[in-house]
Structures are given as structure tokens and as C-alpha cells.
Full PDB file with SEQRES, HELIX, SHEET, SSBOND, CRYST1, ORIGX, SCALE, CONECT and MASTER records, all heavy atoms in Angstrom:
SEQRES   1 A   29  VAL PRO PRO THR HIS LEU ILE ASN THR PRO GLN ILE HIS          
SEQRES   2 A   29  LYS ASP ILE CYS LYS SER PHE GLU ASP TYR ILE ARG SER          
SEQRES   3 A   29  SER ASP LEU                                                  
HELIX    1 AA1 GLN A   11  ARG A   25  1                                  15    
CRYST1    1.000    1.000    1.000  90.00  90.00  90.00 P 1           1          
ORIGX1      1.000000  0.000000  0.000000        0.00000                         
ORIGX2      0.000000  1.000000  0.000000        0.00000                         
ORIGX3      0.000000  0.000000  1.000000        0.00000                         
SCALE1      1.000000  0.000000  0.000000        0.00000                         
SCALE2      0.000000  1.000000  0.000000        0.00000                         
SCALE3      0.000000  0.000000  1.000000        0.00000                         
ATOM      1  N   VAL A   1     104.476  95.506  95.780  1.00  0.00           N  
ATOM      2  CA  VAL A   1     103.745  94.575  96.644  1.00  0.00           C  
ATOM      3  C   VAL A   1     104.644  93.471  96.959  1.00  0.00           C  
ATOM      4  O   VAL A   1     105.334  92.869  96.151  1.00  0.00           O  
ATOM      5  CB  VAL A   1     102.513  94.048  95.884  1.00  0.00           C  
ATOM      6  CG1 VAL A   1     101.782  93.055  96.719  1.00  0.00           C  
ATOM      7  CG2 VAL A   1     101.650  95.238  95.251  1.00  0.00           C  
ATOM      8  N   PRO A   2     104.705  93.029  98.207  1.00  0.00           N  
ATOM      9  CA  PRO A   2     105.508  92.021  98.688  1.00  0.00           C  
ATOM     10  C   PRO A   2     105.149  90.595  98.073  1.00  0.00           C  
ATOM     11  O   PRO A   2     103.987  90.479  97.586  1.00  0.00           O  
ATOM     12  CB  PRO A   2     105.317  91.962 100.324  1.00  0.00           C  
ATOM     13  CG  PRO A   2     104.828  93.281 100.623  1.00  0.00           C  
ATOM     14  CD  PRO A   2     104.045  93.755  99.407  1.00  0.00           C  
ATOM     15  N   PRO A   3     106.053  89.656  97.929  1.00  0.00           N  
ATOM     16  CA  PRO A   3     105.681  88.438  97.205  1.00  0.00           C  
ATOM     17  C   PRO A   3     104.990  87.463  98.090  1.00  0.00           C  
ATOM     18  O   PRO A   3     105.131  86.167  97.799  1.00  0.00           O  
ATOM     19  CB  PRO A   3     107.123  87.988  96.840  1.00  0.00           C  
ATOM     20  CG  PRO A   3     108.009  88.430  97.897  1.00  0.00           C  
ATOM     21  CD  PRO A   3     107.472  89.736  98.297  1.00  0.00           C  
ATOM     22  N   THR A   4     104.474  87.794  99.174  1.00  0.00           N  
ATOM     23  CA  THR A   4     103.818  86.978 100.198  1.00  0.00           C  
ATOM     24  C   THR A   4     103.089  85.705  99.728  1.00  0.00           C  
ATOM     25  O   THR A   4     103.266  84.604 100.117  1.00  0.00           O  
ATOM     26  CB  THR A   4     102.970  87.766 101.194  1.00  0.00           C  
ATOM     27  OG1 THR A   4     103.698  89.033 101.526  1.00  0.00           O  
ATOM     28  CG2 THR A   4     102.595  86.971 102.390  1.00  0.00           C  
ATOM     29  N   HIS A   5     102.301  86.013  98.609  1.00  0.00           N  
ATOM     30  CA  HIS A   5     101.496  84.863  98.205  1.00  0.00           C  
ATOM     31  C   HIS A   5     101.639  84.487  96.672  1.00  0.00           C  
ATOM     32  O   HIS A   5     100.803  83.810  96.138  1.00  0.00           O  
ATOM     33  CB  HIS A   5     100.026  85.345  98.355  1.00  0.00           C  
ATOM     34  CG  HIS A   5      99.534  85.742  99.714  1.00  0.00           C  
ATOM     35  ND1 HIS A   5      99.461  84.724 100.715  1.00  0.00           N  
ATOM     36  CD2 HIS A   5      99.227  86.806 100.394  1.00  0.00           C  
ATOM     37  CE1 HIS A   5      99.130  85.288 101.907  1.00  0.00           C  
ATOM     38  NE2 HIS A   5      98.969  86.552 101.745  1.00  0.00           N  
ATOM     39  N   LEU A   6     102.737  84.887  96.246  1.00  0.00           N  
ATOM     40  CA  LEU A   6     103.084  84.357  94.790  1.00  0.00           C  
ATOM     41  C   LEU A   6     103.428  82.904  94.788  1.00  0.00           C  
ATOM     42  O   LEU A   6     104.336  82.533  95.531  1.00  0.00           O  
ATOM     43  CB  LEU A   6     104.284  85.130  94.270  1.00  0.00           C  
ATOM     44  CG  LEU A   6     103.973  86.671  93.822  1.00  0.00           C  
ATOM     45  CD1 LEU A   6     105.235  87.272  93.253  1.00  0.00           C  
ATOM     46  CD2 LEU A   6     102.864  86.717  92.739  1.00  0.00           C  
ATOM     47  N   ILE A   7     102.718  82.076  94.021  1.00  0.00           N  
ATOM     48  CA  ILE A   7     102.902  80.664  94.069  1.00  0.00           C  
ATOM     49  C   ILE A   7     104.136  80.217  93.305  1.00  0.00           C  
ATOM     50  O   ILE A   7     104.627  78.977  93.539  1.00  0.00           O  
ATOM     51  CB  ILE A   7     101.672  79.898  93.591  1.00  0.00           C  
ATOM     52  CG1 ILE A   7     101.416  80.187  92.165  1.00  0.00           C  
ATOM     53  CG2 ILE A   7     100.553  80.171  94.392  1.00  0.00           C  
ATOM     54  CD1 ILE A   7     100.338  79.316  91.574  1.00  0.00           C  
ATOM     55  N   ASN A   8     104.732  81.041  92.500  1.00  0.00           N  
ATOM     56  CA  ASN A   8     105.907  80.597  91.788  1.00  0.00           C  
ATOM     57  C   ASN A   8     107.205  80.918  92.508  1.00  0.00           C  
ATOM     58  O   ASN A   8     108.309  80.642  92.067  1.00  0.00           O  
ATOM     59  CB  ASN A   8     106.038  81.210  90.396  1.00  0.00           C  
ATOM     60  CG  ASN A   8     106.034  82.639  90.334  1.00  0.00           C  
ATOM     61  OD1 ASN A   8     105.886  83.325  91.390  1.00  0.00           O  
ATOM     62  ND2 ASN A   8     106.299  83.273  89.190  1.00  0.00           N  
ATOM     63  N   THR A   9     107.099  81.634  93.588  1.00  0.00           N  
ATOM     64  CA  THR A   9     108.271  82.098  94.483  1.00  0.00           C  
ATOM     65  C   THR A   9     108.533  81.140  95.686  1.00  0.00           C  
ATOM     66  O   THR A   9     107.545  80.964  96.432  1.00  0.00           O  
ATOM     67  CB  THR A   9     108.083  83.490  94.922  1.00  0.00           C  
ATOM     68  OG1 THR A   9     107.801  84.348  93.767  1.00  0.00           O  
ATOM     69  CG2 THR A   9     109.315  84.012  95.634  1.00  0.00           C  
ATOM     70  N   PRO A  10     109.674  80.541  95.881  1.00  0.00           N  
ATOM     71  CA  PRO A  10     109.888  79.775  97.093  1.00  0.00           C  
ATOM     72  C   PRO A  10     109.687  80.565  98.430  1.00  0.00           C  
ATOM     73  O   PRO A  10     110.025  81.813  98.492  1.00  0.00           O  
ATOM     74  CB  PRO A  10     111.420  79.335  96.990  1.00  0.00           C  
ATOM     75  CG  PRO A  10     111.741  79.539  95.423  1.00  0.00           C  
ATOM     76  CD  PRO A  10     110.903  80.791  95.068  1.00  0.00           C  
ATOM     77  N   GLN A  11     109.207  79.845  99.394  1.00  0.00           N  
ATOM     78  CA  GLN A  11     108.943  80.455 100.650  1.00  0.00           C  
ATOM     79  C   GLN A  11     110.268  81.088 101.262  1.00  0.00           C  
ATOM     80  O   GLN A  11     110.302  82.218 101.853  1.00  0.00           O  
ATOM     81  CB  GLN A  11     108.342  79.410 101.655  1.00  0.00           C  
ATOM     82  CG  GLN A  11     108.032  80.055 103.017  1.00  0.00           C  
ATOM     83  CD  GLN A  11     106.967  81.106 102.876  1.00  0.00           C  
ATOM     84  OE1 GLN A  11     106.025  80.948 102.242  1.00  0.00           O  
ATOM     85  NE2 GLN A  11     107.224  82.285 103.594  1.00  0.00           N  
ATOM     86  N   ILE A  12     111.432  80.356 100.975  1.00  0.00           N  
ATOM     87  CA  ILE A  12     112.519  80.983 101.552  1.00  0.00           C  
ATOM     88  C   ILE A  12     113.013  82.283 100.964  1.00  0.00           C  
ATOM     89  O   ILE A  12     113.530  83.209 101.600  1.00  0.00           O  
ATOM     90  CB  ILE A  12     113.825  79.942 101.465  1.00  0.00           C  
ATOM     91  CG1 ILE A  12     114.983  80.361 102.285  1.00  0.00           C  
ATOM     92  CG2 ILE A  12     114.227  79.724  99.940  1.00  0.00           C  
ATOM     93  CD1 ILE A  12     114.724  80.387 103.770  1.00  0.00           C  
ATOM     94  N   HIS A  13     112.618  82.533  99.654  1.00  0.00           N  
ATOM     95  CA  HIS A  13     112.905  83.859  99.020  1.00  0.00           C  
ATOM     96  C   HIS A  13     111.964  84.878  99.614  1.00  0.00           C  
ATOM     97  O   HIS A  13     112.370  86.028  99.902  1.00  0.00           O  
ATOM     98  CB  HIS A  13     112.577  83.775  97.604  1.00  0.00           C  
ATOM     99  CG  HIS A  13     113.555  82.988  96.796  1.00  0.00           C  
ATOM    100  ND1 HIS A  13     113.853  83.200  95.453  1.00  0.00           N  
ATOM    101  CD2 HIS A  13     114.413  82.023  97.136  1.00  0.00           C  
ATOM    102  CE1 HIS A  13     114.666  82.342  95.016  1.00  0.00           C  
ATOM    103  NE2 HIS A  13     115.172  81.677  96.049  1.00  0.00           N  
ATOM    104  N   LYS A  14     110.708  84.481  99.997  1.00  0.00           N  
ATOM    105  CA  LYS A  14     109.876  85.447 100.664  1.00  0.00           C  
ATOM    106  C   LYS A  14     110.370  85.736 102.007  1.00  0.00           C  
ATOM    107  O   LYS A  14     110.246  86.940 102.433  1.00  0.00           O  
ATOM    108  CB  LYS A  14     108.439  84.774 100.739  1.00  0.00           C  
ATOM    109  CG  LYS A  14     107.699  84.451  99.471  1.00  0.00           C  
ATOM    110  CD  LYS A  14     106.480  83.627  99.543  1.00  0.00           C  
ATOM    111  CE  LYS A  14     105.944  83.112  98.275  1.00  0.00           C  
ATOM    112  NZ  LYS A  14     104.687  82.413  98.459  1.00  0.00           N  
ATOM    113  N   ASP A  15     110.898  84.830 102.820  1.00  0.00           N  
ATOM    114  CA  ASP A  15     111.359  85.057 104.104  1.00  0.00           C  
ATOM    115  C   ASP A  15     112.498  85.909 104.031  1.00  0.00           C  
ATOM    116  O   ASP A  15     112.640  87.041 104.936  1.00  0.00           O  
ATOM    117  CB  ASP A  15     111.727  83.710 104.787  1.00  0.00           C  
ATOM    118  CG  ASP A  15     110.559  82.843 104.992  1.00  0.00           C  
ATOM    119  OD1 ASP A  15     109.469  83.281 104.999  1.00  0.00           O  
ATOM    120  OD2 ASP A  15     110.828  81.600 105.239  1.00  0.00           O  
ATOM    121  N   ILE A  16     113.450  85.869 103.090  1.00  0.00           N  
ATOM    122  CA  ILE A  16     114.628  86.727 102.974  1.00  0.00           C  
ATOM    123  C   ILE A  16     114.127  88.144 102.585  1.00  0.00           C  
ATOM    124  O   ILE A  16     114.670  89.105 103.134  1.00  0.00           O  
ATOM    125  CB  ILE A  16     115.608  86.109 101.881  1.00  0.00           C  
ATOM    126  CG1 ILE A  16     116.210  84.852 102.488  1.00  0.00           C  
ATOM    127  CG2 ILE A  16     116.655  87.142 101.579  1.00  0.00           C  
ATOM    128  CD1 ILE A  16     117.052  84.157 101.423  1.00  0.00           C  
ATOM    129  N   CYS A  17     113.200  88.225 101.704  1.00  0.00           N  
ATOM    130  CA  CYS A  17     112.553  89.512 101.342  1.00  0.00           C  
ATOM    131  C   CYS A  17     112.012  90.230 102.400  1.00  0.00           C  
ATOM    132  O   CYS A  17     112.317  91.379 102.679  1.00  0.00           O  
ATOM    133  CB  CYS A  17     111.588  89.308 100.208  1.00  0.00           C  
ATOM    134  SG  CYS A  17     110.633  90.826  99.724  1.00  0.00           S  
ATOM    135  N   LYS A  18     111.259  89.529 103.235  1.00  0.00           N  
ATOM    136  CA  LYS A  18     110.669  90.177 104.552  1.00  0.00           C  
ATOM    137  C   LYS A  18     111.726  90.560 105.508  1.00  0.00           C  
ATOM    138  O   LYS A  18     111.619  91.695 106.062  1.00  0.00           O  
ATOM    139  CB  LYS A  18     109.702  89.163 105.174  1.00  0.00           C  
ATOM    140  CG  LYS A  18     108.975  89.764 106.341  1.00  0.00           C  
ATOM    141  CD  LYS A  18     108.016  90.956 106.014  1.00  0.00           C  
ATOM    142  CE  LYS A  18     107.162  91.329 107.118  1.00  0.00           C  
ATOM    143  NZ  LYS A  18     107.905  91.878 108.263  1.00  0.00           N  
ATOM    144  N   SER A  19     112.698  89.785 105.659  1.00  0.00           N  
ATOM    145  CA  SER A  19     113.869  90.133 106.613  1.00  0.00           C  
ATOM    146  C   SER A  19     114.590  91.357 106.252  1.00  0.00           C  
ATOM    147  O   SER A  19     114.895  92.180 106.894  1.00  0.00           O  
ATOM    148  CB  SER A  19     114.817  88.917 106.697  1.00  0.00           C  
ATOM    149  OG  SER A  19     115.669  89.186 107.674  1.00  0.00           O  
ATOM    150  N   PHE A  20     114.805  91.438 104.863  1.00  0.00           N  
ATOM    151  CA  PHE A  20     115.510  92.670 104.407  1.00  0.00           C  
ATOM    152  C   PHE A  20     114.679  93.889 104.571  1.00  0.00           C  
ATOM    153  O   PHE A  20     114.975  94.964 104.923  1.00  0.00           O  
ATOM    154  CB  PHE A  20     115.853  92.396 102.920  1.00  0.00           C  
ATOM    155  CG  PHE A  20     116.504  93.679 102.299  1.00  0.00           C  
ATOM    156  CD1 PHE A  20     117.711  94.053 102.683  1.00  0.00           C  
ATOM    157  CD2 PHE A  20     115.763  94.377 101.281  1.00  0.00           C  
ATOM    158  CE1 PHE A  20     118.340  95.122 102.013  1.00  0.00           C  
ATOM    159  CE2 PHE A  20     116.307  95.535 100.726  1.00  0.00           C  
ATOM    160  CZ  PHE A  20     117.698  95.866 101.029  1.00  0.00           C  
ATOM    161  N   GLU A  21     113.320  93.704 104.266  1.00  0.00           N  
ATOM    162  CA  GLU A  21     112.447  94.846 104.426  1.00  0.00           C  
ATOM    163  C   GLU A  21     112.340  95.305 105.848  1.00  0.00           C  
ATOM    164  O   GLU A  21     112.420  96.508 106.174  1.00  0.00           O  
ATOM    165  CB  GLU A  21     110.927  94.354 103.939  1.00  0.00           C  
ATOM    166  CG  GLU A  21     109.937  95.555 104.055  1.00  0.00           C  
ATOM    167  CD  GLU A  21     108.550  95.037 103.727  1.00  0.00           C  
ATOM    168  OE1 GLU A  21     107.879  94.408 104.526  1.00  0.00           O  
ATOM    169  OE2 GLU A  21     108.137  95.290 102.540  1.00  0.00           O  
ATOM    170  N   ASP A  22     112.330  94.414 106.856  1.00  0.00           N  
ATOM    171  CA  ASP A  22     112.345  94.734 108.200  1.00  0.00           C  
ATOM    172  C   ASP A  22     113.593  95.451 108.603  1.00  0.00           C  
ATOM    173  O   ASP A  22     113.570  96.529 109.282  1.00  0.00           O  
ATOM    174  CB  ASP A  22     112.360  93.433 109.135  1.00  0.00           C  
ATOM    175  CG  ASP A  22     110.962  92.740 109.042  1.00  0.00           C  
ATOM    176  OD1 ASP A  22     109.963  93.379 108.628  1.00  0.00           O  
ATOM    177  OD2 ASP A  22     110.939  91.589 109.470  1.00  0.00           O  
ATOM    178  N   TYR A  23     114.761  95.106 107.969  1.00  0.00           N  
ATOM    179  CA  TYR A  23     116.002  95.703 108.357  1.00  0.00           C  
ATOM    180  C   TYR A  23     116.030  97.252 107.808  1.00  0.00           C  
ATOM    181  O   TYR A  23     116.314  98.070 108.426  1.00  0.00           O  
ATOM    182  CB  TYR A  23     117.184  94.982 107.741  1.00  0.00           C  
ATOM    183  CG  TYR A  23     118.489  95.649 107.899  1.00  0.00           C  
ATOM    184  CD1 TYR A  23     119.218  95.453 109.114  1.00  0.00           C  
ATOM    185  CD2 TYR A  23     119.062  96.584 107.056  1.00  0.00           C  
ATOM    186  CE1 TYR A  23     120.349  95.988 109.388  1.00  0.00           C  
ATOM    187  CE2 TYR A  23     120.283  97.138 107.228  1.00  0.00           C  
ATOM    188  CZ  TYR A  23     120.961  96.871 108.450  1.00  0.00           C  
ATOM    189  OH  TYR A  23     122.113  97.535 108.717  1.00  0.00           O  
ATOM    190  N   ILE A  24     115.619  97.447 106.450  1.00  0.00           N  
ATOM    191  CA  ILE A  24     115.758  98.804 105.901  1.00  0.00           C  
ATOM    192  C   ILE A  24     114.657  99.709 106.619  1.00  0.00           C  
ATOM    193  O   ILE A  24     114.935 100.877 106.639  1.00  0.00           O  
ATOM    194  CB  ILE A  24     115.653  98.793 104.373  1.00  0.00           C  
ATOM    195  CG1 ILE A  24     114.320  98.353 104.010  1.00  0.00           C  
ATOM    196  CG2 ILE A  24     116.757  97.951 103.818  1.00  0.00           C  
ATOM    197  CD1 ILE A  24     114.085  98.560 102.443  1.00  0.00           C  
ATOM    198  N   ARG A  25     113.525  99.163 107.026  1.00  0.00           N  
ATOM    199  CA  ARG A  25     112.572 100.006 107.636  1.00  0.00           C  
ATOM    200  C   ARG A  25     113.067 100.437 109.089  1.00  0.00           C  
ATOM    201  O   ARG A  25     112.550 101.459 109.583  1.00  0.00           O  
ATOM    202  CB  ARG A  25     111.230  99.246 107.812  1.00  0.00           C  
ATOM    203  CG  ARG A  25     110.488  99.145 106.523  1.00  0.00           C  
ATOM    204  CD  ARG A  25     109.197  98.434 106.633  1.00  0.00           C  
ATOM    205  NE  ARG A  25     108.441  98.457 105.459  1.00  0.00           N  
ATOM    206  CZ  ARG A  25     107.128  98.061 105.345  1.00  0.00           C  
ATOM    207  NH1 ARG A  25     106.433  97.621 106.386  1.00  0.00           N  
ATOM    208  NH2 ARG A  25     106.472  98.155 104.146  1.00  0.00           N  
ATOM    209  N   SER A  26     114.037  99.675 109.661  1.00  0.00           N  
ATOM    210  CA  SER A  26     114.555 100.081 110.842  1.00  0.00           C  
ATOM    211  C   SER A  26     115.818 101.067 110.703  1.00  0.00           C  
ATOM    212  O   SER A  26     116.290 101.708 111.716  1.00  0.00           O  
ATOM    213  CB  SER A  26     115.000  98.894 111.781  1.00  0.00           C  
ATOM    214  OG  SER A  26     116.178  98.263 111.073  1.00  0.00           O  
ATOM    215  N   SER A  27     116.225 101.278 109.369  1.00  0.00           N  
ATOM    216  CA  SER A  27     117.248 102.005 109.136  1.00  0.00           C  
ATOM    217  C   SER A  27     117.028 103.555 108.960  1.00  0.00           C  
ATOM    218  O   SER A  27     115.804 103.829 108.494  1.00  0.00           O  
ATOM    219  CB  SER A  27     117.994 101.473 107.792  1.00  0.00           C  
ATOM    220  OG  SER A  27     118.902 102.451 107.352  1.00  0.00           O  
ATOM    221  N   ASP A  28     117.921 104.440 109.339  1.00  0.00           N  
ATOM    222  CA  ASP A  28     117.616 105.903 109.092  1.00  0.00           C  
ATOM    223  C   ASP A  28     117.791 106.331 107.679  1.00  0.00           C  
ATOM    224  O   ASP A  28     117.410 107.306 107.325  1.00  0.00           O  
ATOM    225  CB  ASP A  28     118.521 106.683 110.029  1.00  0.00           C  
ATOM    226  CG  ASP A  28     118.293 106.502 111.514  1.00  0.00           C  
ATOM    227  OD1 ASP A  28     117.086 106.184 111.843  1.00  0.00           O  
ATOM    228  OD2 ASP A  28     119.242 106.654 112.272  1.00  0.00           O  
ATOM    229  N   LEU A  29     118.420 105.463 106.847  1.00  0.00           N  
ATOM    230  CA  LEU A  29     118.744 105.769 105.506  1.00  0.00           C  
ATOM    231  C   LEU A  29     117.521 105.535 104.668  1.00  0.00           C  
ATOM    232  O   LEU A  29     116.828 104.483 104.752  1.00  0.00           O  
ATOM    233  CB  LEU A  29     119.978 104.979 104.979  1.00  0.00           C  
ATOM    234  CG  LEU A  29     121.240 105.222 105.762  1.00  0.00           C  
ATOM    235  CD1 LEU A  29     122.296 104.319 105.247  1.00  0.00           C  
ATOM    236  CD2 LEU A  29     121.735 106.694 105.550  1.00  0.00           C  
TER     237      LEU A  29                                                      
MASTER        0    0    0    1    0    0    0    6  236    1    0    3          
END                                                                             
């Protein structure tokens, strides 16, 4: 489950996590 609404996690960590997820979902690997 993505950390989207975890209150102990900084927003910038959530943004980096989402950006990485977007990247690997566009990857063939």
C-alpha cells in the first residue's frame, strides 16, 4: 500500500515514492 496518507511520513518522502512508482511502471523491466 502506498504511504499516501501515513501521518508519520513526510510529504516529500511520499512524493519521491510516487515518482519512483511512476518510473518503474513505465519500465519494461
